[in-house]
């Protein structure tokens, strides 16, 4: 699923983040349970991510490698 460039304030779904990071959805859920991965929020019964949180988390990994 492509992320629209103009939708910086739109919350990303698990599918969006999975596609962006090229990791399985199950991995995102596992990361969330272990406290690893980008910060996520619950919106009702749905898990959502802020684009800025995903990009910030990804940038933080650059110093780890």
PDB file of N, CA and C in Angstrom:
ATOM      1  N   UNK A   1       0.849  -1.179   0.000  1.00  0.00           N
ATOM      2  CA  UNK A   1       0.000   0.000   0.000  1.00  0.00           C
ATOM      3  C   UNK A   1       0.892   1.240   0.000  1.00  0.00           C
ATOM      4  N   UNK A   2       0.689   2.113  -0.905  1.00  0.00           N
ATOM      5  CA  UNK A   2       1.481   3.337  -1.010  1.00  0.00           C
ATOM      6  C   UNK A   2       0.968   4.378  -0.022  1.00  0.00           C
ATOM      7  N   UNK A   3       1.890   5.098   0.582  1.00  0.00           N
ATOM      8  CA  UNK A   3       1.556   6.166   1.517  1.00  0.00           C
ATOM      9  C   UNK A   3       1.506   7.478   0.741  1.00  0.00           C
ATOM     10  N   UNK A   4       0.365   8.159   0.733  1.00  0.00           N
ATOM     11  CA  UNK A   4       0.286   9.440   0.021  1.00  0.00           C
ATOM     12  C   UNK A   4       1.258  10.457   0.606  1.00  0.00           C
ATOM     13  N   UNK A   5       1.981  11.151  -0.237  1.00  0.00           N
ATOM     14  CA  UNK A   5       2.991  12.108   0.221  1.00  0.00           C
ATOM     15  C   UNK A   5       2.368  13.282   0.963  1.00  0.00           C
ATOM     16  N   UNK A   6       1.137  13.636   0.664  1.00  0.00           N
ATOM     17  CA  UNK A   6       0.512  14.803   1.281  1.00  0.00           C
ATOM     18  C   UNK A   6      -0.186  14.479   2.598  1.00  0.00           C
ATOM     19  N   UNK A   7      -0.163  13.243   3.026  1.00  0.00           N
ATOM     20  CA  UNK A   7      -0.930  12.838   4.203  1.00  0.00           C
ATOM     21  C   UNK A   7      -0.045  12.716   5.439  1.00  0.00           C
ATOM     22  N   UNK A   8       0.800  13.703   5.697  1.00  0.00           N
ATOM     23  CA  UNK A   8       1.728  13.641   6.825  1.00  0.00           C
ATOM     24  C   UNK A   8       1.032  13.515   8.168  1.00  0.00           C
ATOM     25  N   UNK A   9      -0.182  14.023   8.286  1.00  0.00           N
ATOM     26  CA  UNK A   9      -0.864  13.984   9.567  1.00  0.00           C
ATOM     27  C   UNK A   9      -1.808  12.789   9.698  1.00  0.00           C
ATOM     28  N   UNK A  10      -1.936  11.994   8.648  1.00  0.00           N
ATOM     29  CA  UNK A  10      -2.801  10.822   8.698  1.00  0.00           C
ATOM     30  C   UNK A  10      -2.144   9.727   9.533  1.00  0.00           C
ATOM     31  N   UNK A  11      -2.920   9.090  10.384  1.00  0.00           N
ATOM     32  CA  UNK A  11      -2.392   7.970  11.151  1.00  0.00           C
ATOM     33  C   UNK A  11      -2.223   6.769  10.231  1.00  0.00           C
ATOM     34  N   UNK A  12      -1.125   6.058  10.410  1.00  0.00           N
ATOM     35  CA  UNK A  12      -0.850   4.880   9.602  1.00  0.00           C
ATOM     36  C   UNK A  12      -1.430   3.645  10.270  1.00  0.00           C
ATOM     37  N   UNK A  13      -1.968   2.755   9.478  1.00  0.00           N
ATOM     38  CA  UNK A  13      -2.466   1.478   9.988  1.00  0.00           C
ATOM     39  C   UNK A  13      -1.294   0.502  10.116  1.00  0.00           C
ATOM     40  N   UNK A  14      -1.565  -0.636  10.715  1.00  0.00           N
ATOM     41  CA  UNK A  14      -0.552  -1.686  10.806  1.00  0.00           C
ATOM     42  C   UNK A  14      -0.129  -2.120   9.400  1.00  0.00           C
ATOM     43  N   UNK A  15      -1.085  -2.187   8.482  1.00  0.00           N
ATOM     44  CA  UNK A  15      -0.760  -2.540   7.099  1.00  0.00           C
ATOM     45  C   UNK A  15       0.185  -1.522   6.468  1.00  0.00           C
ATOM     46  N   UNK A  16      -0.067  -0.239   6.723  1.00  0.00           N
ATOM     47  CA  UNK A  16       0.785   0.823   6.175  1.00  0.00           C
ATOM     48  C   UNK A  16       2.213   0.695   6.684  1.00  0.00           C
ATOM     49  N   UNK A  17       2.358   0.517   7.991  1.00  0.00           N
ATOM     50  CA  UNK A  17       3.699   0.439   8.591  1.00  0.00           C
ATOM     51  C   UNK A  17       4.401  -0.839   8.154  1.00  0.00           C
ATOM     52  N   UNK A  18       3.670  -1.923   8.089  1.00  0.00           N
ATOM     53  CA  UNK A  18       4.230  -3.185   7.621  1.00  0.00           C
ATOM     54  C   UNK A  18       4.791  -3.036   6.209  1.00  0.00           C
ATOM     55  N   UNK A  19       4.032  -2.412   5.330  1.00  0.00           N
ATOM     56  CA  UNK A  19       4.483  -2.205   3.957  1.00  0.00           C
ATOM     57  C   UNK A  19       5.676  -1.255   3.908  1.00  0.00           C
ATOM     58  N   UNK A  20       5.627  -0.179   4.681  1.00  0.00           N
ATOM     59  CA  UNK A  20       6.700   0.819   4.668  1.00  0.00           C
ATOM     60  C   UNK A  20       8.020   0.222   5.164  1.00  0.00           C
ATOM     61  N   UNK A  21       7.948  -0.568   6.248  1.00  0.00           N
ATOM     62  CA  UNK A  21       9.159  -1.152   6.825  1.00  0.00           C
ATOM     63  C   UNK A  21       9.525  -2.494   6.205  1.00  0.00           C
ATOM     64  N   UNK A  22       8.638  -3.035   5.379  1.00  0.00           N
ATOM     65  CA  UNK A  22       8.846  -4.339   4.739  1.00  0.00           C
ATOM     66  C   UNK A  22       9.043  -5.441   5.779  1.00  0.00           C
ATOM     67  N   UNK A  23       8.186  -5.430   6.792  1.00  0.00           N
ATOM     68  CA  UNK A  23       8.182  -6.479   7.810  1.00  0.00           C
ATOM     69  C   UNK A  23       6.765  -7.036   7.913  1.00  0.00           C
ATOM     70  N   UNK A  24       6.634  -8.296   8.331  1.00  0.00           N
ATOM     71  CA  UNK A  24       5.292  -8.866   8.486  1.00  0.00           C
ATOM     72  C   UNK A  24       4.489  -8.159   9.576  1.00  0.00           C
ATOM     73  N   UNK A  25       3.194  -8.160   9.433  1.00  0.00           N
ATOM     74  CA  UNK A  25       2.306  -7.558  10.429  1.00  0.00           C
ATOM     75  C   UNK A  25       2.526  -8.199  11.794  1.00  0.00           C
ATOM     76  N   UNK A  26       2.701  -9.512  11.823  1.00  0.00           N
ATOM     77  CA  UNK A  26       2.927 -10.215  13.096  1.00  0.00           C
ATOM     78  C   UNK A  26       4.161  -9.676  13.819  1.00  0.00           C
ATOM     79  N   UNK A  27       5.161  -9.262  13.064  1.00  0.00           N
ATOM     80  CA  UNK A  27       6.370  -8.692  13.665  1.00  0.00           C
ATOM     81  C   UNK A  27       6.051  -7.389  14.384  1.00  0.00           C
ATOM     82  N   UNK A  28       5.211  -6.556  13.794  1.00  0.00           N
ATOM     83  CA  UNK A  28       4.832  -5.300  14.443  1.00  0.00           C
ATOM     84  C   UNK A  28       4.120  -5.558  15.766  1.00  0.00           C
ATOM     85  N   UNK A  29       3.222  -6.529  15.778  1.00  0.00           N
ATOM     86  CA  UNK A  29       2.521  -6.862  17.014  1.00  0.00           C
ATOM     87  C   UNK A  29       3.481  -7.425  18.062  1.00  0.00           C
ATOM     88  N   UNK A  30       4.426  -8.253  17.627  1.00  0.00           N
ATOM     89  CA  UNK A  30       5.415  -8.813  18.546  1.00  0.00           C
ATOM     90  C   UNK A  30       6.295  -7.703  19.117  1.00  0.00           C
ATOM     91  N   UNK A  31       6.737  -6.788  18.248  1.00  0.00           N
ATOM     92  CA  UNK A  31       7.549  -5.670  18.710  1.00  0.00           C
ATOM     93  C   UNK A  31       6.793  -4.860  19.748  1.00  0.00           C
ATOM     94  N   UNK A  32       5.519  -4.627  19.500  1.00  0.00           N
ATOM     95  CA  UNK A  32       4.716  -3.822  20.433  1.00  0.00           C
ATOM     96  C   UNK A  32       4.648  -4.494  21.801  1.00  0.00           C
ATOM     97  N   UNK A  33       4.493  -5.809  21.827  1.00  0.00           N
ATOM     98  CA  UNK A  33       4.413  -6.555  23.086  1.00  0.00           C
ATOM     99  C   UNK A  33       5.725  -6.527  23.858  1.00  0.00           C
ATOM    100  N   UNK A  34       6.834  -6.427  23.141  1.00  0.00           N
ATOM    101  CA  UNK A  34       8.143  -6.444  23.796  1.00  0.00           C
ATOM    102  C   UNK A  34       8.706  -5.043  24.042  1.00  0.00           C
ATOM    103  N   UNK A  35       7.975  -4.014  23.601  1.00  0.00           N
ATOM    104  CA  UNK A  35       8.442  -2.645  23.813  1.00  0.00           C
ATOM    105  C   UNK A  35       9.431  -2.172  22.762  1.00  0.00           C
ATOM    106  N   UNK A  36       9.576  -2.918  21.692  1.00  0.00           N
ATOM    107  CA  UNK A  36      10.472  -2.541  20.606  1.00  0.00           C
ATOM    108  C   UNK A  36       9.634  -1.964  19.468  1.00  0.00           C
ATOM    109  N   UNK A  37      10.260  -1.304  18.543  1.00  0.00           N
ATOM    110  CA  UNK A  37       9.548  -0.793  17.381  1.00  0.00           C
ATOM    111  C   UNK A  37       9.025   0.613  17.572  1.00  0.00           C
ATOM    112  N   UNK A  38       8.390   1.142  16.541  1.00  0.00           N
ATOM    113  CA  UNK A  38       7.865   2.508  16.617  1.00  0.00           C
ATOM    114  C   UNK A  38       6.700   2.600  17.602  1.00  0.00           C
ATOM    115  N   UNK A  39       6.557   3.764  18.194  1.00  0.00           N
ATOM    116  CA  UNK A  39       5.469   4.009  19.134  1.00  0.00           C
ATOM    117  C   UNK A  39       4.131   3.890  18.401  1.00  0.00           C
ATOM    118  N   UNK A  40       3.191   3.226  19.047  1.00  0.00           N
ATOM    119  CA  UNK A  40       1.866   3.060  18.453  1.00  0.00           C
ATOM    120  C   UNK A  40       0.802   3.501  19.451  1.00  0.00           C
ATOM    121  N   UNK A  41      -0.383   3.750  18.944  1.00  0.00           N
ATOM    122  CA  UNK A  41      -1.511   4.145  19.800  1.00  0.00           C
ATOM    123  C   UNK A  41      -2.734   3.327  19.422  1.00  0.00           C
ATOM    124  N   UNK A  42      -3.567   3.078  20.404  1.00  0.00           N
ATOM    125  CA  UNK A  42      -4.840   2.407  20.160  1.00  0.00           C
ATOM    126  C   UNK A  42      -5.901   3.459  19.888  1.00  0.00           C
ATOM    127  N   UNK A  43      -6.636   3.275  18.818  1.00  0.00           N
ATOM    128  CA  UNK A  43      -7.780   4.117  18.490  1.00  0.00           C
ATOM    129  C   UNK A  43      -8.966   3.149  18.451  1.00  0.00           C
ATOM    130  N   UNK A  44      -9.681   3.094  19.562  1.00  0.00           N
ATOM    131  CA  UNK A  44     -10.709   2.073  19.678  1.00  0.00           C
ATOM    132  C   UNK A  44     -10.046   0.713  19.704  1.00  0.00           C
ATOM    133  N   UNK A  45     -10.445  -0.139  18.796  1.00  0.00           N
ATOM    134  CA  UNK A  45      -9.827  -1.464  18.743  1.00  0.00           C
ATOM    135  C   UNK A  45      -8.713  -1.547  17.713  1.00  0.00           C
ATOM    136  N   UNK A  46      -8.378  -0.420  17.121  1.00  0.00           N
ATOM    137  CA  UNK A  46      -7.382  -0.385  16.054  1.00  0.00           C
ATOM    138  C   UNK A  46      -6.051   0.150  16.550  1.00  0.00           C
ATOM    139  N   UNK A  47      -4.982  -0.404  16.017  1.00  0.00           N
ATOM    140  CA  UNK A  47      -3.635   0.056  16.317  1.00  0.00           C
ATOM    141  C   UNK A  47      -3.220   1.016  15.221  1.00  0.00           C
ATOM    142  N   UNK A  48      -2.736   2.182  15.609  1.00  0.00           N
ATOM    143  CA  UNK A  48      -2.334   3.201  14.634  1.00  0.00           C
ATOM    144  C   UNK A  48      -0.954   3.749  14.995  1.00  0.00           C
ATOM    145  N   UNK A  49      -0.311   4.303  13.997  1.00  0.00           N
ATOM    146  CA  UNK A  49       1.035   4.881  14.138  1.00  0.00           C
ATOM    147  C   UNK A  49       1.038   6.281  13.556  1.00  0.00           C
ATOM    148  N   UNK A  50       1.754   7.173  14.221  1.00  0.00           N
ATOM    149  CA  UNK A  50       1.994   8.498  13.652  1.00  0.00           C
ATOM    150  C   UNK A  50       3.214   8.387  12.735  1.00  0.00           C
ATOM    151  N   UNK A  51       3.116   8.982  11.566  1.00  0.00           N
ATOM    152  CA  UNK A  51       4.219   8.907  10.615  1.00  0.00           C
ATOM    153  C   UNK A  51       5.520   9.401  11.247  1.00  0.00           C
ATOM    154  N   UNK A  52       5.450  10.481  11.978  1.00  0.00           N
ATOM    155  CA  UNK A  52       6.652  11.046  12.600  1.00  0.00           C
ATOM    156  C   UNK A  52       7.289  10.058  13.577  1.00  0.00           C
ATOM    157  N   UNK A  53       6.470   9.291  14.305  1.00  0.00           N
ATOM    158  CA  UNK A  53       7.005   8.300  15.247  1.00  0.00           C
ATOM    159  C   UNK A  53       7.715   7.167  14.512  1.00  0.00           C
ATOM    160  N   UNK A  54       7.142   6.731  13.404  1.00  0.00           N
ATOM    161  CA  UNK A  54       7.768   5.656  12.627  1.00  0.00           C
ATOM    162  C   UNK A  54       9.097   6.127  12.048  1.00  0.00           C
ATOM    163  N   UNK A  55       9.097   7.316  11.464  1.00  0.00           N
ATOM    164  CA  UNK A  55      10.334   7.834  10.867  1.00  0.00           C
ATOM    165  C   UNK A  55      11.397   8.121  11.915  1.00  0.00           C
ATOM    166  N   UNK A  56      10.983   8.631  13.066  1.00  0.00           N
ATOM    167  CA  UNK A  56      11.918   8.906  14.154  1.00  0.00           C
ATOM    168  C   UNK A  56      12.543   7.607  14.668  1.00  0.00           C
ATOM    169  N   UNK A  57      11.727   6.586  14.844  1.00  0.00           N
ATOM    170  CA  UNK A  57      12.225   5.300  15.312  1.00  0.00           C
ATOM    171  C   UNK A  57      13.210   4.714  14.292  1.00  0.00           C
ATOM    172  N   UNK A  58      12.859   4.817  13.031  1.00  0.00           N
ATOM    173  CA  UNK A  58      13.733   4.301  11.973  1.00  0.00           C
ATOM    174  C   UNK A  58      15.059   5.049  11.960  1.00  0.00           C
ATOM    175  N   UNK A  59      15.026   6.369  12.127  1.00  0.00           N
ATOM    176  CA  UNK A  59      16.259   7.161  12.191  1.00  0.00           C
ATOM    177  C   UNK A  59      17.122   6.771  13.385  1.00  0.00           C
ATOM    178  N   UNK A  60      16.468   6.431  14.499  1.00  0.00           N
ATOM    179  CA  UNK A  60      17.219   6.046  15.697  1.00  0.00           C
ATOM    180  C   UNK A  60      17.992   4.747  15.490  1.00  0.00           C
ATOM    181  N   UNK A  61      17.545   3.911  14.572  1.00  0.00           N
ATOM    182  CA  UNK A  61      18.255   2.670  14.284  1.00  0.00           C
ATOM    183  C   UNK A  61      19.546   2.890  13.524  1.00  0.00           C
ATOM    184  N   UNK A  62      19.658   3.996  12.834  1.00  0.00           N
ATOM    185  CA  UNK A  62      20.855   4.267  12.049  1.00  0.00           C
ATOM    186  C   UNK A  62      22.091   4.333  12.925  1.00  0.00           C
ATOM    187  N   UNK A  63      21.948   4.812  14.144  1.00  0.00           N
ATOM    188  CA  UNK A  63      23.085   4.888  15.063  1.00  0.00           C
ATOM    189  C   UNK A  63      23.419   3.566  15.720  1.00  0.00           C
ATOM    190  N   UNK A  64      22.517   2.594  15.648  1.00  0.00           N
ATOM    191  CA  UNK A  64      22.715   1.314  16.301  1.00  0.00           C
ATOM    192  C   UNK A  64      23.564   0.372  15.446  1.00  0.00           C
ATOM    193  N   UNK A  65      23.408   0.435  14.155  1.00  0.00           N
ATOM    194  CA  UNK A  65      24.074  -0.518  13.246  1.00  0.00           C
ATOM    195  C   UNK A  65      25.542  -0.315  13.161  1.00  0.00           C
TER     196      UNK A  65
END
